[in-house]
């Protein structure tokens, strides 16, 4: 098995664990602003899980399609970071009020 496949499997399993974690966490979070943010994060985790599973197959794409695909994944990664920071900020504001 190549190193790329091994790393891809570990990455995909890690993202599936993250997906399971966010789904489990969602059961304990009431609705409202934090619940809505968590739903958005869950959607992004689903997107990343799919992306990580696709990585071994990206070598079959043309260079242009690969570049576009990777840029889209990176864009959603940036959105994920901003959403996570926003969620943490809301939690801190809620706890300090």
PDB file of N, CA and C in Angstrom:
ATOM      1  N   UNK A   1       0.844  -1.178   0.000  1.00  0.00           N
ATOM      2  CA  UNK A   1       0.000   0.000   0.000  1.00  0.00           C
ATOM      3  C   UNK A   1       0.888   1.240   0.000  1.00  0.00           C
ATOM      4  N   UNK A   2       0.554   2.213  -0.824  1.00  0.00           N
ATOM      5  CA  UNK A   2       1.385   3.410  -0.906  1.00  0.00           C
ATOM      6  C   UNK A   2       1.153   4.330   0.287  1.00  0.00           C
ATOM      7  N   UNK A   3       2.116   5.189   0.513  1.00  0.00           N
ATOM      8  CA  UNK A   3       2.028   6.143   1.616  1.00  0.00           C
ATOM      9  C   UNK A   3       0.814   7.049   1.461  1.00  0.00           C
ATOM     10  N   UNK A   4       0.514   7.465   0.235  1.00  0.00           N
ATOM     11  CA  UNK A   4      -0.644   8.324  -0.015  1.00  0.00           C
ATOM     12  C   UNK A   4      -1.938   7.640   0.409  1.00  0.00           C
ATOM     13  N   UNK A   5      -2.086   6.379   0.095  1.00  0.00           N
ATOM     14  CA  UNK A   5      -3.298   5.638   0.461  1.00  0.00           C
ATOM     15  C   UNK A   5      -3.404   5.516   1.978  1.00  0.00           C
ATOM     16  N   UNK A   6      -2.301   5.212   2.637  1.00  0.00           N
ATOM     17  CA  UNK A   6      -2.313   5.075   4.102  1.00  0.00           C
ATOM     18  C   UNK A   6      -2.688   6.398   4.758  1.00  0.00           C
ATOM     19  N   UNK A   7      -2.068   7.484   4.320  1.00  0.00           N
ATOM     20  CA  UNK A   7      -2.381   8.797   4.870  1.00  0.00           C
ATOM     21  C   UNK A   7      -3.837   9.159   4.572  1.00  0.00           C
ATOM     22  N   UNK A   8      -4.316   8.846   3.383  1.00  0.00           N
ATOM     23  CA  UNK A   8      -5.704   9.129   3.020  1.00  0.00           C
ATOM     24  C   UNK A   8      -6.684   8.359   3.898  1.00  0.00           C
ATOM     25  N   UNK A   9      -6.387   7.109   4.168  1.00  0.00           N
ATOM     26  CA  UNK A   9      -7.266   6.296   5.024  1.00  0.00           C
ATOM     27  C   UNK A   9      -7.290   6.855   6.444  1.00  0.00           C
ATOM     28  N   UNK A  10      -6.126   7.185   6.965  1.00  0.00           N
ATOM     29  CA  UNK A  10      -6.061   7.754   8.323  1.00  0.00           C
ATOM     30  C   UNK A  10      -6.810   9.085   8.370  1.00  0.00           C
ATOM     31  N   UNK A  11      -6.624   9.921   7.364  1.00  0.00           N
ATOM     32  CA  UNK A  11      -7.312  11.214   7.309  1.00  0.00           C
ATOM     33  C   UNK A  11      -8.826  11.033   7.226  1.00  0.00           C
ATOM     34  N   UNK A  12      -9.275  10.125   6.376  1.00  0.00           N
ATOM     35  CA  UNK A  12     -10.709   9.887   6.229  1.00  0.00           C
ATOM     36  C   UNK A  12     -11.305   9.344   7.522  1.00  0.00           C
ATOM     37  N   UNK A  13     -10.612   8.421   8.177  1.00  0.00           N
ATOM     38  CA  UNK A  13     -11.097   7.895   9.449  1.00  0.00           C
ATOM     39  C   UNK A  13     -11.163   8.980  10.521  1.00  0.00           C
ATOM     40  N   UNK A  14     -10.178   9.870  10.510  1.00  0.00           N
ATOM     41  CA  UNK A  14     -10.186  10.988  11.456  1.00  0.00           C
ATOM     42  C   UNK A  14     -11.384  11.903  11.205  1.00  0.00           C
ATOM     43  N   UNK A  15     -11.670  12.189   9.945  1.00  0.00           N
ATOM     44  CA  UNK A  15     -12.821  13.039   9.631  1.00  0.00           C
ATOM     45  C   UNK A  15     -14.134  12.337   9.950  1.00  0.00           C
ATOM     46  N   UNK A  16     -14.211  11.049   9.749  1.00  0.00           N
ATOM     47  CA  UNK A  16     -15.424  10.309  10.123  1.00  0.00           C
ATOM     48  C   UNK A  16     -15.610  10.323  11.635  1.00  0.00           C
ATOM     49  N   UNK A  17     -14.518  10.257  12.384  1.00  0.00           N
ATOM     50  CA  UNK A  17     -14.599  10.394  13.838  1.00  0.00           C
ATOM     51  C   UNK A  17     -15.083  11.800  14.205  1.00  0.00           C
ATOM     52  N   UNK A  18     -14.576  12.811  13.513  1.00  0.00           N
ATOM     53  CA  UNK A  18     -15.021  14.184  13.754  1.00  0.00           C
ATOM     54  C   UNK A  18     -16.514  14.321  13.454  1.00  0.00           C
ATOM     55  N   UNK A  19     -16.963  13.688  12.389  1.00  0.00           N
ATOM     56  CA  UNK A  19     -18.383  13.721  12.041  1.00  0.00           C
ATOM     57  C   UNK A  19     -19.213  13.051  13.132  1.00  0.00           C
ATOM     58  N   UNK A  20     -18.773  11.900  13.582  1.00  0.00           N
ATOM     59  CA  UNK A  20     -19.476  11.212  14.669  1.00  0.00           C
ATOM     60  C   UNK A  20     -19.506  12.096  15.922  1.00  0.00           C
ATOM     61  N   UNK A  21     -18.385  12.764  16.218  1.00  0.00           N
ATOM     62  CA  UNK A  21     -18.308  13.631  17.396  1.00  0.00           C
ATOM     63  C   UNK A  21     -19.279  14.800  17.305  1.00  0.00           C
ATOM     64  N   UNK A  22     -19.340  15.436  16.150  1.00  0.00           N
ATOM     65  CA  UNK A  22     -20.223  16.590  16.010  1.00  0.00           C
ATOM     66  C   UNK A  22     -21.688  16.160  16.028  1.00  0.00           C
ATOM     67  N   UNK A  23     -21.995  14.990  15.494  1.00  0.00           N
ATOM     68  CA  UNK A  23     -23.370  14.483  15.558  1.00  0.00           C
ATOM     69  C   UNK A  23     -23.730  14.167  17.006  1.00  0.00           C
ATOM     70  N   UNK A  24     -22.813  13.557  17.753  1.00  0.00           N
ATOM     71  CA  UNK A  24     -23.050  13.270  19.164  1.00  0.00           C
ATOM     72  C   UNK A  24     -23.206  14.551  19.968  1.00  0.00           C
ATOM     73  N   UNK A  25     -22.392  15.539  19.667  1.00  0.00           N
ATOM     74  CA  UNK A  25     -22.449  16.818  20.358  1.00  0.00           C
ATOM     75  C   UNK A  25     -23.764  17.535  20.069  1.00  0.00           C
ATOM     76  N   UNK A  26     -24.227  17.404  18.852  1.00  0.00           N
ATOM     77  CA  UNK A  26     -25.462  18.087  18.431  1.00  0.00           C
ATOM     78  C   UNK A  26     -26.648  17.674  19.285  1.00  0.00           C
ATOM     79  N   UNK A  27     -26.669  16.424  19.741  1.00  0.00           N
ATOM     80  CA  UNK A  27     -27.774  15.930  20.576  1.00  0.00           C
ATOM     81  C   UNK A  27     -27.842  16.663  21.914  1.00  0.00           C
ATOM     82  N   UNK A  28     -26.708  17.208  22.376  1.00  0.00           N
ATOM     83  CA  UNK A  28     -26.638  17.874  23.677  1.00  0.00           C
ATOM     84  C   UNK A  28     -26.760  19.388  23.601  1.00  0.00           C
ATOM     85  N   UNK A  29     -26.847  19.936  22.399  1.00  0.00           N
ATOM     86  CA  UNK A  29     -26.894  21.381  22.237  1.00  0.00           C
ATOM     87  C   UNK A  29     -28.316  21.794  21.873  1.00  0.00           C
ATOM     88  N   UNK A  30     -28.881  22.700  22.654  1.00  0.00           N
ATOM     89  CA  UNK A  30     -30.220  23.166  22.292  1.00  0.00           C
ATOM     90  C   UNK A  30     -30.164  23.987  21.010  1.00  0.00           C
ATOM     91  N   UNK A  31     -31.307  24.311  20.492  1.00  0.00           N
ATOM     92  CA  UNK A  31     -31.362  25.117  19.267  1.00  0.00           C
ATOM     93  C   UNK A  31     -30.784  26.503  19.519  1.00  0.00           C
ATOM     94  N   UNK A  32     -31.276  27.461  18.828  1.00  0.00           N
ATOM     95  CA  UNK A  32     -30.775  28.822  18.984  1.00  0.00           C
ATOM     96  C   UNK A  32     -29.546  29.065  18.139  1.00  0.00           C
ATOM     97  N   UNK A  33     -28.865  30.122  18.483  1.00  0.00           N
ATOM     98  CA  UNK A  33     -27.714  30.556  17.683  1.00  0.00           C
ATOM     99  C   UNK A  33     -26.597  29.513  17.682  1.00  0.00           C
ATOM    100  N   UNK A  34     -26.271  28.972  18.847  1.00  0.00           N
ATOM    101  CA  UNK A  34     -25.195  27.987  18.919  1.00  0.00           C
ATOM    102  C   UNK A  34     -25.589  26.719  18.166  1.00  0.00           C
ATOM    103  N   UNK A  35     -26.841  26.287  18.303  1.00  0.00           N
ATOM    104  CA  UNK A  35     -27.306  25.113  17.571  1.00  0.00           C
ATOM    105  C   UNK A  35     -27.241  25.313  16.077  1.00  0.00           C
ATOM    106  N   UNK A  36     -27.615  26.507  15.617  1.00  0.00           N
ATOM    107  CA  UNK A  36     -27.547  26.796  14.178  1.00  0.00           C
ATOM    108  C   UNK A  36     -26.108  26.797  13.675  1.00  0.00           C
ATOM    109  N   UNK A  37     -25.197  27.376  14.452  1.00  0.00           N
ATOM    110  CA  UNK A  37     -23.779  27.369  14.061  1.00  0.00           C
ATOM    111  C   UNK A  37     -23.247  25.943  14.009  1.00  0.00           C
ATOM    112  N   UNK A  38     -23.676  25.127  14.970  1.00  0.00           N
ATOM    113  CA  UNK A  38     -23.220  23.749  14.996  1.00  0.00           C
ATOM    114  C   UNK A  38     -23.743  22.978  13.785  1.00  0.00           C
ATOM    115  N   UNK A  39     -24.948  23.292  13.338  1.00  0.00           N
ATOM    116  CA  UNK A  39     -25.474  22.658  12.123  1.00  0.00           C
ATOM    117  C   UNK A  39     -24.604  23.009  10.923  1.00  0.00           C
ATOM    118  N   UNK A  40     -24.181  24.270  10.841  1.00  0.00           N
ATOM    119  CA  UNK A  40     -23.290  24.684   9.757  1.00  0.00           C
ATOM    120  C   UNK A  40     -21.959  23.964   9.821  1.00  0.00           C
ATOM    121  N   UNK A  41     -21.415  23.822  11.037  1.00  0.00           N
ATOM    122  CA  UNK A  41     -20.158  23.095  11.193  1.00  0.00           C
ATOM    123  C   UNK A  41     -20.327  21.633  10.801  1.00  0.00           C
ATOM    124  N   UNK A  42     -21.477  21.046  11.146  1.00  0.00           N
ATOM    125  CA  UNK A  42     -21.717  19.653  10.790  1.00  0.00           C
ATOM    126  C   UNK A  42     -21.742  19.493   9.271  1.00  0.00           C
ATOM    127  N   UNK A  43     -22.360  20.437   8.581  1.00  0.00           N
ATOM    128  CA  UNK A  43     -22.390  20.376   7.112  1.00  0.00           C
ATOM    129  C   UNK A  43     -20.975  20.455   6.540  1.00  0.00           C
ATOM    130  N   UNK A  44     -20.140  21.306   7.116  1.00  0.00           N
ATOM    131  CA  UNK A  44     -18.766  21.414   6.644  1.00  0.00           C
ATOM    132  C   UNK A  44     -17.970  20.146   6.949  1.00  0.00           C
ATOM    133  N   UNK A  45     -18.204  19.525   8.096  1.00  0.00           N
ATOM    134  CA  UNK A  45     -17.520  18.269   8.417  1.00  0.00           C
ATOM    135  C   UNK A  45     -17.932  17.175   7.435  1.00  0.00           C
ATOM    136  N   UNK A  46     -19.207  17.155   7.053  1.00  0.00           N
ATOM    137  CA  UNK A  46     -19.666  16.188   6.040  1.00  0.00           C
ATOM    138  C   UNK A  46     -18.921  16.436   4.724  1.00  0.00           C
ATOM    139  N   UNK A  47     -18.828  17.699   4.323  1.00  0.00           N
ATOM    140  CA  UNK A  47     -18.112  18.043   3.090  1.00  0.00           C
ATOM    141  C   UNK A  47     -16.658  17.593   3.155  1.00  0.00           C
ATOM    142  N   UNK A  48     -16.002  17.854   4.284  1.00  0.00           N
ATOM    143  CA  UNK A  48     -14.604  17.451   4.419  1.00  0.00           C
ATOM    144  C   UNK A  48     -14.460  15.939   4.459  1.00  0.00           C
ATOM    145  N   UNK A  49     -15.388  15.251   5.083  1.00  0.00           N
ATOM    146  CA  UNK A  49     -15.331  13.786   5.112  1.00  0.00           C
ATOM    147  C   UNK A  49     -15.375  13.231   3.694  1.00  0.00           C
ATOM    148  N   UNK A  50     -16.273  13.760   2.902  1.00  0.00           N
ATOM    149  CA  UNK A  50     -16.373  13.336   1.501  1.00  0.00           C
ATOM    150  C   UNK A  50     -15.082  13.675   0.757  1.00  0.00           C
ATOM    151  N   UNK A  51     -14.558  14.866   1.013  1.00  0.00           N
ATOM    152  CA  UNK A  51     -13.320  15.294   0.340  1.00  0.00           C
ATOM    153  C   UNK A  51     -12.148  14.383   0.680  1.00  0.00           C
ATOM    154  N   UNK A  52     -12.017  14.033   1.956  1.00  0.00           N
ATOM    155  CA  UNK A  52     -10.908  13.166   2.366  1.00  0.00           C
ATOM    156  C   UNK A  52     -11.041  11.769   1.760  1.00  0.00           C
ATOM    157  N   UNK A  53     -12.275  11.293   1.638  1.00  0.00           N
ATOM    158  CA  UNK A  53     -12.482   9.987   1.017  1.00  0.00           C
ATOM    159  C   UNK A  53     -12.123  10.037  -0.471  1.00  0.00           C
ATOM    160  N   UNK A  54     -12.306  11.188  -1.114  1.00  0.00           N
ATOM    161  CA  UNK A  54     -12.024  11.345  -2.543  1.00  0.00           C
ATOM    162  C   UNK A  54     -10.540  11.483  -2.875  1.00  0.00           C
ATOM    163  N   UNK A  55      -9.711  11.835  -1.903  1.00  0.00           N
ATOM    164  CA  UNK A  55      -8.299  12.149  -2.164  1.00  0.00           C
ATOM    165  C   UNK A  55      -7.577  11.087  -2.998  1.00  0.00           C
ATOM    166  N   UNK A  56      -7.716   9.797  -2.703  1.00  0.00           N
ATOM    167  CA  UNK A  56      -6.972   8.817  -3.511  1.00  0.00           C
ATOM    168  C   UNK A  56      -7.368   8.814  -4.987  1.00  0.00           C
ATOM    169  N   UNK A  57      -8.541   9.325  -5.308  1.00  0.00           N
ATOM    170  CA  UNK A  57      -9.030   9.310  -6.682  1.00  0.00           C
ATOM    171  C   UNK A  57      -8.740  10.604  -7.437  1.00  0.00           C
ATOM    172  N   UNK A  58      -8.192  11.607  -6.756  1.00  0.00           N
ATOM    173  CA  UNK A  58      -7.948  12.896  -7.397  1.00  0.00           C
ATOM    174  C   UNK A  58      -6.869  12.817  -8.469  1.00  0.00           C
ATOM    175  N   UNK A  59      -5.989  11.841  -8.389  1.00  0.00           N
ATOM    176  CA  UNK A  59      -4.932  11.684  -9.388  1.00  0.00           C
ATOM    177  C   UNK A  59      -5.469  11.359 -10.771  1.00  0.00           C
ATOM    178  N   UNK A  60      -6.711  10.930 -10.850  1.00  0.00           N
ATOM    179  CA  UNK A  60      -7.317  10.596 -12.129  1.00  0.00           C
ATOM    180  C   UNK A  60      -7.919  11.813 -12.824  1.00  0.00           C
ATOM    181  N   UNK A  61      -7.930  12.946 -12.139  1.00  0.00           N
ATOM    182  CA  UNK A  61      -8.509  14.163 -12.710  1.00  0.00           C
ATOM    183  C   UNK A  61      -7.475  14.919 -13.535  1.00  0.00           C
ATOM    184  N   UNK A  62      -7.958  15.755 -14.432  1.00  0.00           N
ATOM    185  CA  UNK A  62      -7.044  16.619 -15.183  1.00  0.00           C
ATOM    186  C   UNK A  62      -6.443  17.641 -14.221  1.00  0.00           C
ATOM    187  N   UNK A  63      -5.351  18.230 -14.625  1.00  0.00           N
ATOM    188  CA  UNK A  63      -4.664  19.211 -13.770  1.00  0.00           C
ATOM    189  C   UNK A  63      -5.579  20.382 -13.440  1.00  0.00           C
ATOM    190  N   UNK A  64      -6.343  20.865 -14.403  1.00  0.00           N
ATOM    191  CA  UNK A  64      -7.233  22.000 -14.174  1.00  0.00           C
ATOM    192  C   UNK A  64      -8.338  21.639 -13.183  1.00  0.00           C
ATOM    193  N   UNK A  65      -8.954  20.477 -13.364  1.00  0.00           N
ATOM    194  CA  UNK A  65     -10.013  20.032 -12.453  1.00  0.00           C
ATOM    195  C   UNK A  65      -9.459  19.804 -11.055  1.00  0.00           C
ATOM    196  N   UNK A  66      -8.268  19.236 -10.968  1.00  0.00           N
ATOM    197  CA  UNK A  66      -7.628  19.005  -9.674  1.00  0.00           C
ATOM    198  C   UNK A  66      -7.369  20.330  -8.962  1.00  0.00           C
ATOM    199  N   UNK A  67      -6.859  21.310  -9.683  1.00  0.00           N
ATOM    200  CA  UNK A  67      -6.589  22.623  -9.096  1.00  0.00           C
ATOM    201  C   UNK A  67      -7.872  23.273  -8.592  1.00  0.00           C
ATOM    202  N   UNK A  68      -8.923  23.225  -9.372  1.00  0.00           N
ATOM    203  CA  UNK A  68     -10.202  23.803  -8.964  1.00  0.00           C
ATOM    204  C   UNK A  68     -10.739  23.068  -7.734  1.00  0.00           C
ATOM    205  N   UNK A  69     -10.687  21.739  -7.748  1.00  0.00           N
ATOM    206  CA  UNK A  69     -11.178  20.940  -6.637  1.00  0.00           C
ATOM    207  C   UNK A  69     -10.423  21.260  -5.351  1.00  0.00           C
ATOM    208  N   UNK A  70      -9.115  21.323  -5.435  1.00  0.00           N
ATOM    209  CA  UNK A  70      -8.314  21.618  -4.245  1.00  0.00           C
ATOM    210  C   UNK A  70      -8.580  23.033  -3.735  1.00  0.00           C
ATOM    211  N   UNK A  71      -8.758  23.983  -4.641  1.00  0.00           N
ATOM    212  CA  UNK A  71      -9.058  25.344  -4.206  1.00  0.00           C
ATOM    213  C   UNK A  71     -10.422  25.433  -3.536  1.00  0.00           C
ATOM    214  N   UNK A  72     -11.386  24.676  -4.009  1.00  0.00           N
ATOM    215  CA  UNK A  72     -12.705  24.654  -3.375  1.00  0.00           C
ATOM    216  C   UNK A  72     -12.597  24.042  -1.980  1.00  0.00           C
ATOM    217  N   UNK A  73     -11.856  22.956  -1.856  1.00  0.00           N
ATOM    218  CA  UNK A  73     -11.668  22.323  -0.547  1.00  0.00           C
ATOM    219  C   UNK A  73     -10.975  23.295   0.413  1.00  0.00           C
ATOM    220  N   UNK A  74      -9.955  23.984  -0.068  1.00  0.00           N
ATOM    221  CA  UNK A  74      -9.261  24.958   0.772  1.00  0.00           C
ATOM    222  C   UNK A  74     -10.175  26.118   1.157  1.00  0.00           C
ATOM    223  N   UNK A  75     -11.021  26.571   0.237  1.00  0.00           N
ATOM    224  CA  UNK A  75     -11.975  27.634   0.543  1.00  0.00           C
ATOM    225  C   UNK A  75     -12.906  27.204   1.672  1.00  0.00           C
ATOM    226  N   UNK A  76     -13.457  25.994   1.570  1.00  0.00           N
ATOM    227  CA  UNK A  76     -14.336  25.514   2.625  1.00  0.00           C
ATOM    228  C   UNK A  76     -13.573  25.282   3.928  1.00  0.00           C
ATOM    229  N   UNK A  77     -12.293  24.980   3.833  1.00  0.00           N
ATOM    230  CA  UNK A  77     -11.462  24.878   5.037  1.00  0.00           C
ATOM    231  C   UNK A  77     -11.371  26.223   5.743  1.00  0.00           C
ATOM    232  N   UNK A  78     -11.202  27.279   4.973  1.00  0.00           N
ATOM    233  CA  UNK A  78     -11.155  28.625   5.540  1.00  0.00           C
ATOM    234  C   UNK A  78     -12.507  28.994   6.162  1.00  0.00           C
ATOM    235  N   UNK A  79     -13.595  28.638   5.486  1.00  0.00           N
ATOM    236  CA  UNK A  79     -14.930  28.890   6.029  1.00  0.00           C
ATOM    237  C   UNK A  79     -15.112  28.121   7.333  1.00  0.00           C
ATOM    238  N   UNK A  80     -14.621  26.889   7.376  1.00  0.00           N
ATOM    239  CA  UNK A  80     -14.721  26.077   8.585  1.00  0.00           C
ATOM    240  C   UNK A  80     -13.992  26.741   9.751  1.00  0.00           C
ATOM    241  N   UNK A  81     -12.815  27.242   9.507  1.00  0.00           N
ATOM    242  CA  UNK A  81     -12.043  27.899  10.562  1.00  0.00           C
ATOM    243  C   UNK A  81     -12.792  29.129  11.078  1.00  0.00           C
ATOM    244  N   UNK A  82     -13.305  29.949  10.166  1.00  0.00           N
ATOM    245  CA  UNK A  82     -14.057  31.149  10.565  1.00  0.00           C
ATOM    246  C   UNK A  82     -15.308  30.756  11.350  1.00  0.00           C
ATOM    247  N   UNK A  83     -16.029  29.729  10.898  1.00  0.00           N
ATOM    248  CA  UNK A  83     -17.240  29.281  11.592  1.00  0.00           C
ATOM    249  C   UNK A  83     -16.904  28.739  12.981  1.00  0.00           C
ATOM    250  N   UNK A  84     -15.809  28.011  13.101  1.00  0.00           N
ATOM    251  CA  UNK A  84     -15.411  27.478  14.399  1.00  0.00           C
ATOM    252  C   UNK A  84     -15.055  28.605  15.357  1.00  0.00           C
ATOM    253  N   UNK A  85     -14.306  29.568  14.891  1.00  0.00           N
ATOM    254  CA  UNK A  85     -13.950  30.712  15.728  1.00  0.00           C
ATOM    255  C   UNK A  85     -15.205  31.473  16.138  1.00  0.00           C
ATOM    256  N   UNK A  86     -16.133  31.648  15.222  1.00  0.00           N
ATOM    257  CA  UNK A  86     -17.384  32.327  15.525  1.00  0.00           C
ATOM    258  C   UNK A  86     -18.180  31.566  16.583  1.00  0.00           C
ATOM    259  N   UNK A  87     -18.236  30.245  16.456  1.00  0.00           N
ATOM    260  CA  UNK A  87     -18.953  29.427  17.443  1.00  0.00           C
ATOM    261  C   UNK A  87     -18.306  29.549  18.813  1.00  0.00           C
ATOM    262  N   UNK A  88     -17.000  29.477  18.870  1.00  0.00           N
ATOM    263  CA  UNK A  88     -16.288  29.596  20.151  1.00  0.00           C
ATOM    264  C   UNK A  88     -16.536  30.975  20.755  1.00  0.00           C
ATOM    265  N   UNK A  89     -16.519  32.006  19.918  1.00  0.00           N
ATOM    266  CA  UNK A  89     -16.786  33.365  20.385  1.00  0.00           C
ATOM    267  C   UNK A  89     -18.187  33.462  20.987  1.00  0.00           C
ATOM    268  N   UNK A  90     -19.183  32.858  20.320  1.00  0.00           N
ATOM    269  CA  UNK A  90     -20.559  32.875  20.841  1.00  0.00           C
ATOM    270  C   UNK A  90     -20.675  32.128  22.150  1.00  0.00           C
ATOM    271  N   UNK A  91     -19.985  31.013  22.258  1.00  0.00           N
ATOM    272  CA  UNK A  91     -20.020  30.228  23.503  1.00  0.00           C
ATOM    273  C   UNK A  91     -19.412  31.052  24.645  1.00  0.00           C
ATOM    274  N   UNK A  92     -18.287  31.681  24.375  1.00  0.00           N
ATOM    275  CA  UNK A  92     -17.635  32.505  25.403  1.00  0.00           C
ATOM    276  C   UNK A  92     -18.541  33.662  25.807  1.00  0.00           C
ATOM    277  N   UNK A  93     -19.188  34.313  24.836  1.00  0.00           N
ATOM    278  CA  UNK A  93     -20.103  35.410  25.156  1.00  0.00           C
ATOM    279  C   UNK A  93     -21.267  34.920  25.996  1.00  0.00           C
ATOM    280  N   UNK A  94     -21.799  33.737  25.669  1.00  0.00           N
ATOM    281  CA  UNK A  94     -22.909  33.178  26.421  1.00  0.00           C
ATOM    282  C   UNK A  94     -22.495  32.843  27.846  1.00  0.00           C
ATOM    283  N   UNK A  95     -21.304  32.300  28.012  1.00  0.00           N
ATOM    284  CA  UNK A  95     -20.826  31.927  29.342  1.00  0.00           C
ATOM    285  C   UNK A  95     -20.494  33.129  30.206  1.00  0.00           C
ATOM    286  N   UNK A  96     -20.057  34.219  29.583  1.00  0.00           N
ATOM    287  CA  UNK A  96     -19.669  35.397  30.365  1.00  0.00           C
ATOM    288  C   UNK A  96     -20.829  36.342  30.649  1.00  0.00           C
ATOM    289  N   UNK A  97     -21.941  36.149  29.975  1.00  0.00           N
ATOM    290  CA  UNK A  97     -23.125  37.014  30.222  1.00  0.00           C
ATOM    291  C   UNK A  97     -23.893  36.579  31.438  1.00  0.00           C
TER     292      UNK A  97
END
